[in-house]
């Protein structure tokens, strides 16, 4: 949780709020790859990449 707080403080101080959507998309892709690797969704994920 400390890392998330650090990133939020960085974005708030430096007015870099445009980073939020980029970080959210990267987190979603990471979760998709981790959880979808061994499931029935795997063929769909592999076609996306």
PDB file of N, CA and C in Angstrom:
ATOM      1  N   UNK A   1       0.819  -1.202   0.000  1.00  0.00           N
ATOM      2  CA  UNK A   1       0.000   0.000   0.000  1.00  0.00           C
ATOM      3  C   UNK A   1       0.862   1.265   0.000  1.00  0.00           C
ATOM      4  N   UNK A   2       2.067   1.172   0.527  1.00  0.00           N
ATOM      5  CA  UNK A   2       2.927   2.351   0.588  1.00  0.00           C
ATOM      6  C   UNK A   2       3.313   2.817  -0.820  1.00  0.00           C
ATOM      7  N   UNK A   3       3.517   1.871  -1.723  1.00  0.00           N
ATOM      8  CA  UNK A   3       3.867   2.232  -3.098  1.00  0.00           C
ATOM      9  C   UNK A   3       2.749   2.990  -3.791  1.00  0.00           C
ATOM     10  N   UNK A   4       1.516   2.575  -3.540  1.00  0.00           N
ATOM     11  CA  UNK A   4       0.364   3.254  -4.135  1.00  0.00           C
ATOM     12  C   UNK A   4       0.246   4.674  -3.597  1.00  0.00           C
ATOM     13  N   UNK A   5       0.486   4.819  -2.286  1.00  0.00           N
ATOM     14  CA  UNK A   5       0.443   6.154  -1.688  1.00  0.00           C
ATOM     15  C   UNK A   5       1.536   7.053  -2.268  1.00  0.00           C
ATOM     16  N   UNK A   6       2.728   6.481  -2.487  1.00  0.00           N
ATOM     17  CA  UNK A   6       3.824   7.260  -3.073  1.00  0.00           C
ATOM     18  C   UNK A   6       3.492   7.720  -4.490  1.00  0.00           C
ATOM     19  N   UNK A   7       2.926   6.824  -5.274  1.00  0.00           N
ATOM     20  CA  UNK A   7       2.557   7.189  -6.648  1.00  0.00           C
ATOM     21  C   UNK A   7       1.489   8.275  -6.643  1.00  0.00           C
ATOM     22  N   UNK A   8       0.498   8.140  -5.743  1.00  0.00           N
ATOM     23  CA  UNK A   8      -0.563   9.147  -5.658  1.00  0.00           C
ATOM     24  C   UNK A   8       0.010  10.510  -5.263  1.00  0.00           C
ATOM     25  N   UNK A   9       0.917  10.514  -4.267  1.00  0.00           N
ATOM     26  CA  UNK A   9       1.527  11.783  -3.843  1.00  0.00           C
ATOM     27  C   UNK A   9       2.341  12.405  -4.967  1.00  0.00           C
ATOM     28  N   UNK A  10       3.066  11.582  -5.724  1.00  0.00           N
ATOM     29  CA  UNK A  10       3.847  12.078  -6.855  1.00  0.00           C
ATOM     30  C   UNK A  10       2.937  12.731  -7.885  1.00  0.00           C
ATOM     31  N   UNK A  11       1.841  12.046  -8.230  1.00  0.00           N
ATOM     32  CA  UNK A  11       0.923  12.593  -9.227  1.00  0.00           C
ATOM     33  C   UNK A  11       0.274  13.878  -8.719  1.00  0.00           C
ATOM     34  N   UNK A  12      -0.050  13.939  -7.444  1.00  0.00           N
ATOM     35  CA  UNK A  12      -0.709  15.103  -6.875  1.00  0.00           C
ATOM     36  C   UNK A  12       0.226  16.314  -6.826  1.00  0.00           C
ATOM     37  N   UNK A  13       1.473  16.100  -6.403  1.00  0.00           N
ATOM     38  CA  UNK A  13       2.429  17.204  -6.291  1.00  0.00           C
ATOM     39  C   UNK A  13       2.840  17.745  -7.649  1.00  0.00           C
ATOM     40  N   UNK A  14       3.071  16.867  -8.594  1.00  0.00           N
ATOM     41  CA  UNK A  14       3.604  17.278  -9.890  1.00  0.00           C
ATOM     42  C   UNK A  14       2.527  17.490 -10.949  1.00  0.00           C
ATOM     43  N   UNK A  15       1.252  17.361 -10.555  1.00  0.00           N
ATOM     44  CA  UNK A  15       0.120  17.532 -11.491  1.00  0.00           C
ATOM     45  C   UNK A  15       0.229  16.580 -12.682  1.00  0.00           C
ATOM     46  N   UNK A  16       0.535  15.330 -12.407  1.00  0.00           N
ATOM     47  CA  UNK A  16       0.673  14.315 -13.457  1.00  0.00           C
ATOM     48  C   UNK A  16      -0.508  13.355 -13.425  1.00  0.00           C
ATOM     49  N   UNK A  17      -1.716  13.908 -13.391  1.00  0.00           N
ATOM     50  CA  UNK A  17      -2.907  13.063 -13.291  1.00  0.00           C
ATOM     51  C   UNK A  17      -3.151  12.249 -14.556  1.00  0.00           C
ATOM     52  N   UNK A  18      -2.499  12.607 -15.652  1.00  0.00           N
ATOM     53  CA  UNK A  18      -2.659  11.837 -16.879  1.00  0.00           C
ATOM     54  C   UNK A  18      -2.032  10.448 -16.730  1.00  0.00           C
ATOM     55  N   UNK A  19      -1.206  10.248 -15.704  1.00  0.00           N
ATOM     56  CA  UNK A  19      -0.604   8.932 -15.483  1.00  0.00           C
ATOM     57  C   UNK A  19      -1.605   7.919 -14.922  1.00  0.00           C
ATOM     58  N   UNK A  20      -2.661   8.393 -14.286  1.00  0.00           N
ATOM     59  CA  UNK A  20      -3.623   7.490 -13.647  1.00  0.00           C
ATOM     60  C   UNK A  20      -4.235   6.486 -14.636  1.00  0.00           C
ATOM     61  N   UNK A  21      -4.749   6.906 -15.789  1.00  0.00           N
ATOM     62  CA  UNK A  21      -5.312   5.905 -16.715  1.00  0.00           C
ATOM     63  C   UNK A  21      -4.269   4.907 -17.218  1.00  0.00           C
ATOM     64  N   UNK A  22      -3.045   5.374 -17.413  1.00  0.00           N
ATOM     65  CA  UNK A  22      -1.975   4.477 -17.871  1.00  0.00           C
ATOM     66  C   UNK A  22      -1.695   3.413 -16.818  1.00  0.00           C
ATOM     67  N   UNK A  23      -1.601   3.823 -15.571  1.00  0.00           N
ATOM     68  CA  UNK A  23      -1.324   2.888 -14.481  1.00  0.00           C
ATOM     69  C   UNK A  23      -2.484   1.902 -14.316  1.00  0.00           C
ATOM     70  N   UNK A  24      -3.709   2.387 -14.422  1.00  0.00           N
ATOM     71  CA  UNK A  24      -4.881   1.517 -14.281  1.00  0.00           C
ATOM     72  C   UNK A  24      -4.911   0.467 -15.386  1.00  0.00           C
ATOM     73  N   UNK A  25      -4.635   0.875 -16.620  1.00  0.00           N
ATOM     74  CA  UNK A  25      -4.627  -0.082 -17.738  1.00  0.00           C
ATOM     75  C   UNK A  25      -3.526  -1.118 -17.546  1.00  0.00           C
ATOM     76  N   UNK A  26      -2.351  -0.695 -17.090  1.00  0.00           N
ATOM     77  CA  UNK A  26      -1.267  -1.651 -16.856  1.00  0.00           C
ATOM     78  C   UNK A  26      -1.622  -2.652 -15.760  1.00  0.00           C
ATOM     79  N   UNK A  27      -2.280  -2.180 -14.718  1.00  0.00           N
ATOM     80  CA  UNK A  27      -2.691  -3.082 -13.640  1.00  0.00           C
ATOM     81  C   UNK A  27      -3.725  -4.075 -14.140  1.00  0.00           C
ATOM     82  N   UNK A  28      -4.691  -3.609 -14.930  1.00  0.00           N
ATOM     83  CA  UNK A  28      -5.721  -4.504 -15.471  1.00  0.00           C
ATOM     84  C   UNK A  28      -5.099  -5.557 -16.385  1.00  0.00           C
ATOM     85  N   UNK A  29      -4.169  -5.151 -17.241  1.00  0.00           N
ATOM     86  CA  UNK A  29      -3.509  -6.116 -18.125  1.00  0.00           C
ATOM     87  C   UNK A  29      -2.703  -7.134 -17.328  1.00  0.00           C
ATOM     88  N   UNK A  30      -2.012  -6.667 -16.294  1.00  0.00           N
ATOM     89  CA  UNK A  30      -1.254  -7.592 -15.458  1.00  0.00           C
ATOM     90  C   UNK A  30      -2.135  -8.613 -14.772  1.00  0.00           C
ATOM     91  N   UNK A  31      -3.263  -8.154 -14.227  1.00  0.00           N
ATOM     92  CA  UNK A  31      -4.193  -9.070 -13.562  1.00  0.00           C
ATOM     93  C   UNK A  31      -4.773 -10.053 -14.567  1.00  0.00           C
ATOM     94  N   UNK A  32      -5.102  -9.572 -15.756  1.00  0.00           N
ATOM     95  CA  UNK A  32      -5.643 -10.456 -16.795  1.00  0.00           C
ATOM     96  C   UNK A  32      -4.641 -11.541 -17.165  1.00  0.00           C
ATOM     97  N   UNK A  33      -3.387 -11.166 -17.319  1.00  0.00           N
ATOM     98  CA  UNK A  33      -2.370 -12.150 -17.698  1.00  0.00           C
ATOM     99  C   UNK A  33      -2.110 -13.162 -16.580  1.00  0.00           C
ATOM    100  N   UNK A  34      -2.112 -12.709 -15.343  1.00  0.00           N
ATOM    101  CA  UNK A  34      -1.840 -13.614 -14.230  1.00  0.00           C
ATOM    102  C   UNK A  34      -2.986 -14.596 -14.034  1.00  0.00           C
ATOM    103  N   UNK A  35      -4.205 -14.089 -13.972  1.00  0.00           N
ATOM    104  CA  UNK A  35      -5.339 -14.962 -13.692  1.00  0.00           C
ATOM    105  C   UNK A  35      -5.843 -15.703 -14.923  1.00  0.00           C
ATOM    106  N   UNK A  36      -5.586 -15.176 -16.100  1.00  0.00           N
ATOM    107  CA  UNK A  36      -6.081 -15.814 -17.304  1.00  0.00           C
ATOM    108  C   UNK A  36      -5.134 -16.835 -17.894  1.00  0.00           C
ATOM    109  N   UNK A  37      -3.938 -16.922 -17.355  1.00  0.00           N
ATOM    110  CA  UNK A  37      -2.946 -17.845 -17.901  1.00  0.00           C
ATOM    111  C   UNK A  37      -3.339 -19.303 -17.810  1.00  0.00           C
ATOM    112  N   UNK A  38      -3.984 -19.691 -16.750  1.00  0.00           N
ATOM    113  CA  UNK A  38      -4.323 -21.091 -16.570  1.00  0.00           C
ATOM    114  C   UNK A  38      -5.812 -21.358 -16.602  1.00  0.00           C
ATOM    115  N   UNK A  39      -6.560 -20.507 -17.244  1.00  0.00           N
ATOM    116  CA  UNK A  39      -8.010 -20.699 -17.243  1.00  0.00           C
ATOM    117  C   UNK A  39      -8.540 -20.846 -18.667  1.00  0.00           C
ATOM    118  N   UNK A  40      -9.856 -20.883 -18.771  1.00  0.00           N
ATOM    119  CA  UNK A  40     -10.497 -21.020 -20.079  1.00  0.00           C
ATOM    120  C   UNK A  40     -10.407 -19.734 -20.889  1.00  0.00           C
ATOM    121  N   UNK A  41     -10.018 -18.647 -20.259  1.00  0.00           N
ATOM    122  CA  UNK A  41      -9.914 -17.353 -20.963  1.00  0.00           C
ATOM    123  C   UNK A  41      -8.582 -17.245 -21.705  1.00  0.00           C
ATOM    124  N   UNK A  42      -7.660 -18.147 -21.434  1.00  0.00           N
ATOM    125  CA  UNK A  42      -6.314 -18.066 -22.003  1.00  0.00           C
ATOM    126  C   UNK A  42      -6.287 -17.914 -23.538  1.00  0.00           C
ATOM    127  N   UNK A  43      -7.068 -18.689 -24.308  1.00  0.00           N
ATOM    128  CA  UNK A  43      -7.019 -18.512 -25.762  1.00  0.00           C
ATOM    129  C   UNK A  43      -7.453 -17.104 -26.200  1.00  0.00           C
ATOM    130  N   UNK A  44      -8.412 -16.524 -25.495  1.00  0.00           N
ATOM    131  CA  UNK A  44      -8.844 -15.171 -25.835  1.00  0.00           C
ATOM    132  C   UNK A  44      -7.739 -14.163 -25.556  1.00  0.00           C
ATOM    133  N   UNK A  45      -7.076 -14.315 -24.420  1.00  0.00           N
ATOM    134  CA  UNK A  45      -5.999 -13.387 -24.056  1.00  0.00           C
ATOM    135  C   UNK A  45      -4.842 -13.505 -25.040  1.00  0.00           C
ATOM    136  N   UNK A  46      -4.511 -14.719 -25.442  1.00  0.00           N
ATOM    137  CA  UNK A  46      -3.390 -14.898 -26.367  1.00  0.00           C
ATOM    138  C   UNK A  46      -3.704 -14.293 -27.730  1.00  0.00           C
ATOM    139  N   UNK A  47      -4.951 -14.275 -28.150  1.00  0.00           N
ATOM    140  CA  UNK A  47      -5.280 -13.663 -29.435  1.00  0.00           C
ATOM    141  C   UNK A  47      -5.185 -12.140 -29.355  1.00  0.00           C
ATOM    142  N   UNK A  48      -5.379 -11.569 -28.149  1.00  0.00           N
ATOM    143  CA  UNK A  48      -5.257 -10.122 -28.002  1.00  0.00           C
ATOM    144  C   UNK A  48      -3.822  -9.657 -28.131  1.00  0.00           C
ATOM    145  N   UNK A  49      -2.888 -10.484 -27.696  1.00  0.00           N
ATOM    146  CA  UNK A  49      -1.485 -10.107 -27.717  1.00  0.00           C
ATOM    147  C   UNK A  49      -0.783 -10.820 -28.817  1.00  0.00           C
TER     148      UNK A  49
END
